[in-house]
Amino acid sequence: MSDKQLSRPWWREPWPWILMAGPAVAVAGCIVTIVLAVRNFGDQAIADGGTRRGLVVEKPGMHAPGAAASDAAGAGGTAAPAASASREDRP
């Protein structure tokens, strides 16, 4: 091998570009997805009759996720873990 081939700059080699292509395509796809979601679905009304409070959407008749646990703990009872929600609370 000659000295010219050993001293080539990194941008002239194909492997860095091949390795960077995957993450670059993923970033571009993410940006396209976000733009499409904001343009097409950003201002849709809630059709279920739910109430939007900030980022949380509550359905009518449902309590806040931590309300039962804090009530039980405040009354001297043991609070149930949030992961053991009843099947009625799940969609």
N, C-alpha and C. Protein backbone atom coordinates (compact mmCIF):
# COMPACT_ATOMS: atom_id res chain seq x y z
N MET A 1 0.83 -1.19 0.00
CA MET A 1 0.00 0.00 0.00
C MET A 1 0.87 1.24 0.00
N SER A 2 0.39 2.25 -0.65
CA SER A 2 1.16 3.49 -0.70
C SER A 2 0.73 4.41 0.43
N ASP A 3 1.51 5.48 0.64
CA ASP A 3 1.22 6.43 1.71
C ASP A 3 -0.06 7.23 1.43
N LYS A 4 -0.41 7.43 0.18
CA LYS A 4 -1.61 8.19 -0.15
C LYS A 4 -2.87 7.46 0.32
N GLN A 5 -2.91 6.16 0.20
CA GLN A 5 -4.08 5.40 0.62
C GLN A 5 -4.22 5.37 2.14
N LEU A 6 -3.15 5.39 2.87
CA LEU A 6 -3.21 5.34 4.32
C LEU A 6 -3.58 6.68 4.93
N SER A 7 -3.34 7.77 4.24
CA SER A 7 -3.59 9.09 4.81
C SER A 7 -4.87 9.73 4.28
N ARG A 8 -5.79 8.94 3.77
CA ARG A 8 -7.04 9.50 3.26
C ARG A 8 -7.87 10.03 4.43
N PRO A 9 -8.54 11.17 4.26
CA PRO A 9 -9.41 11.68 5.32
C PRO A 9 -10.63 10.77 5.50
N TRP A 10 -11.24 10.86 6.68
CA TRP A 10 -12.32 9.94 7.00
C TRP A 10 -13.54 10.12 6.10
N TRP A 11 -13.79 11.34 5.61
CA TRP A 11 -14.99 11.56 4.81
C TRP A 11 -14.87 10.99 3.40
N ARG A 12 -13.68 10.55 3.06
CA ARG A 12 -13.49 9.93 1.75
C ARG A 12 -13.66 8.41 1.81
N GLU A 13 -13.83 7.88 2.99
CA GLU A 13 -14.05 6.44 3.16
C GLU A 13 -15.55 6.15 3.13
N PRO A 14 -15.96 5.01 2.60
CA PRO A 14 -17.40 4.72 2.52
C PRO A 14 -18.02 4.26 3.85
N TRP A 15 -17.26 3.62 4.73
CA TRP A 15 -17.85 3.02 5.93
C TRP A 15 -18.44 4.02 6.91
N PRO A 16 -17.83 5.16 7.16
CA PRO A 16 -18.51 6.10 8.07
C PRO A 16 -19.87 6.55 7.53
N TRP A 17 -19.98 6.74 6.24
CA TRP A 17 -21.24 7.18 5.64
C TRP A 17 -22.29 6.07 5.69
N ILE A 18 -21.86 4.84 5.48
CA ILE A 18 -22.78 3.71 5.57
C ILE A 18 -23.28 3.55 7.01
N LEU A 19 -22.39 3.71 7.99
CA LEU A 19 -22.78 3.57 9.39
C LEU A 19 -23.66 4.73 9.86
N MET A 20 -23.48 5.92 9.30
CA MET A 20 -24.30 7.07 9.70
C MET A 20 -25.64 7.11 8.97
N ALA A 21 -25.79 6.33 7.90
CA ALA A 21 -27.02 6.39 7.11
C ALA A 21 -28.22 5.87 7.89
N GLY A 22 -28.08 4.81 8.66
CA GLY A 22 -29.20 4.25 9.41
C GLY A 22 -29.78 5.23 10.42
N PRO A 23 -28.97 5.77 11.34
CA PRO A 23 -29.51 6.75 12.27
C PRO A 23 -30.04 8.01 11.59
N ALA A 24 -29.43 8.43 10.50
CA ALA A 24 -29.91 9.62 9.79
C ALA A 24 -31.29 9.38 9.20
N VAL A 25 -31.53 8.20 8.66
CA VAL A 25 -32.85 7.86 8.12
C VAL A 25 -33.88 7.79 9.24
N ALA A 26 -33.49 7.26 10.40
CA ALA A 26 -34.41 7.19 11.55
C ALA A 26 -34.79 8.58 12.04
N VAL A 27 -33.84 9.50 12.11
CA VAL A 27 -34.12 10.87 12.53
C VAL A 27 -35.04 11.56 11.53
N ALA A 28 -34.78 11.38 10.25
CA ALA A 28 -35.64 11.98 9.23
C ALA A 28 -37.06 11.42 9.31
N GLY A 29 -37.20 10.13 9.51
CA GLY A 29 -38.52 9.52 9.65
C GLY A 29 -39.26 10.02 10.88
N CYS A 30 -38.54 10.24 11.96
CA CYS A 30 -39.14 10.77 13.18
C CYS A 30 -39.65 12.18 12.95
N ILE A 31 -38.88 12.99 12.30
CA ILE A 31 -39.28 14.38 12.02
C ILE A 31 -40.52 14.40 11.12
N VAL A 32 -40.53 13.55 10.10
CA VAL A 32 -41.70 13.48 9.20
C VAL A 32 -42.93 13.03 9.97
N THR A 33 -42.79 12.04 10.85
CA THR A 33 -43.91 11.56 11.64
C THR A 33 -44.47 12.63 12.55
N ILE A 34 -43.61 13.38 13.21
CA ILE A 34 -44.05 14.45 14.11
C ILE A 34 -44.76 15.55 13.32
N VAL A 35 -44.22 15.94 12.19
CA VAL A 35 -44.85 16.98 11.37
C VAL A 35 -46.22 16.54 10.89
N LEU A 36 -46.35 15.30 10.42
CA LEU A 36 -47.64 14.80 9.97
C LEU A 36 -48.65 14.72 11.11
N ALA A 37 -48.20 14.30 12.29
CA ALA A 37 -49.11 14.18 13.43
C ALA A 37 -49.61 15.55 13.87
N VAL A 38 -48.74 16.54 13.90
CA VAL A 38 -49.15 17.88 14.34
C VAL A 38 -50.06 18.53 13.29
N ARG A 39 -49.74 18.38 12.03
CA ARG A 39 -50.56 19.00 10.97
C ARG A 39 -51.95 18.38 10.87
N ASN A 40 -52.02 17.06 10.94
CA ASN A 40 -53.28 16.37 10.67
C ASN A 40 -54.13 16.09 11.90
N PHE A 41 -53.52 15.90 13.07
CA PHE A 41 -54.27 15.47 14.23
C PHE A 41 -54.06 16.35 15.45
N GLY A 42 -53.45 17.51 15.30
CA GLY A 42 -53.12 18.36 16.44
C GLY A 42 -54.29 18.99 17.14
N ASP A 43 -55.37 19.28 16.44
CA ASP A 43 -56.47 20.01 17.06
C ASP A 43 -57.78 19.23 17.02
N GLN A 44 -57.72 17.92 17.09
CA GLN A 44 -58.93 17.12 17.07
C GLN A 44 -59.64 17.21 18.42
N ALA A 45 -60.97 17.25 18.36
CA ALA A 45 -61.75 17.26 19.58
C ALA A 45 -61.81 15.85 20.17
N ILE A 46 -62.06 15.79 21.47
CA ILE A 46 -62.19 14.51 22.14
C ILE A 46 -63.62 14.03 21.90
N ALA A 47 -63.79 12.88 21.23
CA ALA A 47 -65.12 12.41 20.83
C ALA A 47 -65.79 11.56 21.89
N ASP A 48 -65.06 11.09 22.90
CA ASP A 48 -65.62 10.18 23.90
C ASP A 48 -66.38 10.90 25.00
N GLY A 49 -66.36 12.22 24.99
CA GLY A 49 -66.98 12.95 26.08
C GLY A 49 -66.02 13.12 27.25
N GLY A 50 -64.76 12.92 27.02
CA GLY A 50 -63.76 13.06 28.07
C GLY A 50 -63.42 14.52 28.31
N THR A 51 -62.73 14.77 29.40
CA THR A 51 -62.31 16.11 29.75
C THR A 51 -60.79 16.17 29.67
N ARG A 52 -60.29 17.19 29.02
CA ARG A 52 -58.85 17.34 28.90
C ARG A 52 -58.37 18.34 29.94
N ARG A 53 -57.43 17.90 30.76
CA ARG A 53 -56.80 18.76 31.77
C ARG A 53 -55.30 18.71 31.54
N GLY A 54 -54.81 19.66 30.81
CA GLY A 54 -53.39 19.65 30.45
C GLY A 54 -53.15 18.55 29.43
N LEU A 55 -52.27 17.60 29.77
CA LEU A 55 -51.98 16.48 28.87
C LEU A 55 -52.79 15.25 29.21
N VAL A 56 -53.59 15.30 30.30
CA VAL A 56 -54.35 14.15 30.75
C VAL A 56 -55.77 14.26 30.24
N VAL A 57 -56.30 13.18 29.69
CA VAL A 57 -57.69 13.13 29.26
C VAL A 57 -58.41 12.16 30.18
N GLU A 58 -59.43 12.68 30.88
CA GLU A 58 -60.19 11.85 31.81
C GLU A 58 -61.56 11.57 31.23
N LYS A 59 -61.99 10.31 31.32
CA LYS A 59 -63.32 9.94 30.87
C LYS A 59 -64.32 10.27 31.98
N PRO A 60 -65.57 10.54 31.62
CA PRO A 60 -66.56 10.84 32.65
C PRO A 60 -66.77 9.65 33.58
N GLY A 61 -66.89 9.95 34.87
CA GLY A 61 -67.13 8.90 35.85
C GLY A 61 -65.88 8.20 36.33
N MET A 62 -64.75 8.55 35.80
CA MET A 62 -63.50 7.92 36.23
C MET A 62 -62.79 8.85 37.19
N HIS A 63 -62.12 8.28 38.15
CA HIS A 63 -61.37 9.09 39.10
C HIS A 63 -59.93 9.24 38.63
N ALA A 64 -59.24 10.16 39.27
CA ALA A 64 -57.83 10.37 38.94
C ALA A 64 -57.04 9.14 39.34
N PRO A 65 -55.96 8.79 38.64
CA PRO A 65 -55.22 7.56 38.90
C PRO A 65 -54.70 7.44 40.33
N GLY A 66 -54.25 8.50 40.94
CA GLY A 66 -53.67 8.39 42.28
C GLY A 66 -54.63 8.77 43.39
N ALA A 67 -55.88 9.09 43.09
CA ALA A 67 -56.80 9.57 44.11
C ALA A 67 -57.15 8.49 45.11
N ALA A 68 -57.43 7.27 44.68
CA ALA A 68 -57.81 6.20 45.59
C ALA A 68 -56.65 5.83 46.50
N ALA A 69 -55.45 5.81 45.96
CA ALA A 69 -54.28 5.45 46.77
C ALA A 69 -54.01 6.50 47.83
N SER A 70 -54.14 7.78 47.47
CA SER A 70 -53.88 8.83 48.45
C SER A 70 -54.98 8.88 49.50
N ASP A 71 -56.25 8.60 49.13
CA ASP A 71 -57.34 8.56 50.10
C ASP A 71 -57.13 7.44 51.11
N ALA A 72 -56.73 6.27 50.63
CA ALA A 72 -56.52 5.13 51.52
C ALA A 72 -55.34 5.38 52.44
N ALA A 73 -54.29 5.99 51.93
CA ALA A 73 -53.11 6.25 52.75
C ALA A 73 -53.42 7.33 53.78
N GLY A 74 -54.21 8.32 53.39
CA GLY A 74 -54.55 9.39 54.32
C GLY A 74 -55.48 8.93 55.43
N ALA A 75 -56.28 7.89 55.19
CA ALA A 75 -57.23 7.40 56.18
C ALA A 75 -56.61 6.35 57.07
N GLY A 76 -55.33 6.09 56.93
CA GLY A 76 -54.67 5.12 57.77
C GLY A 76 -54.63 3.73 57.16
N GLY A 77 -55.24 3.54 56.01
CA GLY A 77 -55.24 2.24 55.35
C GLY A 77 -53.97 2.07 54.53
N THR A 78 -53.87 0.93 53.91
CA THR A 78 -52.71 0.69 53.06
C THR A 78 -53.07 1.05 51.64
N ALA A 79 -52.18 1.71 50.97
CA ALA A 79 -52.43 2.14 49.60
C ALA A 79 -52.11 1.00 48.65
N ALA A 80 -53.00 0.77 47.71
CA ALA A 80 -52.77 -0.26 46.70
C ALA A 80 -51.81 0.29 45.66
N PRO A 81 -50.90 -0.56 45.13
CA PRO A 81 -49.99 -0.07 44.10
C PRO A 81 -50.74 0.30 42.84
N ALA A 82 -50.21 1.24 42.11
CA ALA A 82 -50.87 1.75 40.91
C ALA A 82 -50.96 0.67 39.83
N ALA A 83 -50.07 -0.32 39.82
CA ALA A 83 -50.06 -1.34 38.79
C ALA A 83 -51.22 -2.32 38.95
N SER A 84 -51.86 -2.36 40.12
CA SER A 84 -52.93 -3.32 40.35
C SER A 84 -54.30 -2.67 40.14
N ALA A 85 -54.43 -1.87 39.11
CA ALA A 85 -55.72 -1.25 38.81
C ALA A 85 -56.69 -2.31 38.33
N SER A 86 -57.96 -2.11 38.61
CA SER A 86 -58.96 -3.08 38.20
C SER A 86 -59.11 -3.06 36.69
N ARG A 87 -59.69 -4.11 36.16
CA ARG A 87 -59.87 -4.20 34.72
C ARG A 87 -60.87 -3.19 34.21
N GLU A 88 -61.72 -2.66 35.05
CA GLU A 88 -62.68 -1.66 34.62
C GLU A 88 -61.99 -0.35 34.21
N ASP A 89 -60.84 -0.09 34.84
CA ASP A 89 -60.11 1.15 34.57
C ASP A 89 -59.32 1.08 33.27
N ARG A 90 -59.10 -0.09 32.78
CA ARG A 90 -58.29 -0.25 31.56
C ARG A 90 -59.17 -0.12 30.34
N PRO A 91 -58.61 0.45 29.27
CA PRO A 91 -59.41 0.59 28.03
C PRO A 91 -59.67 -0.73 27.35
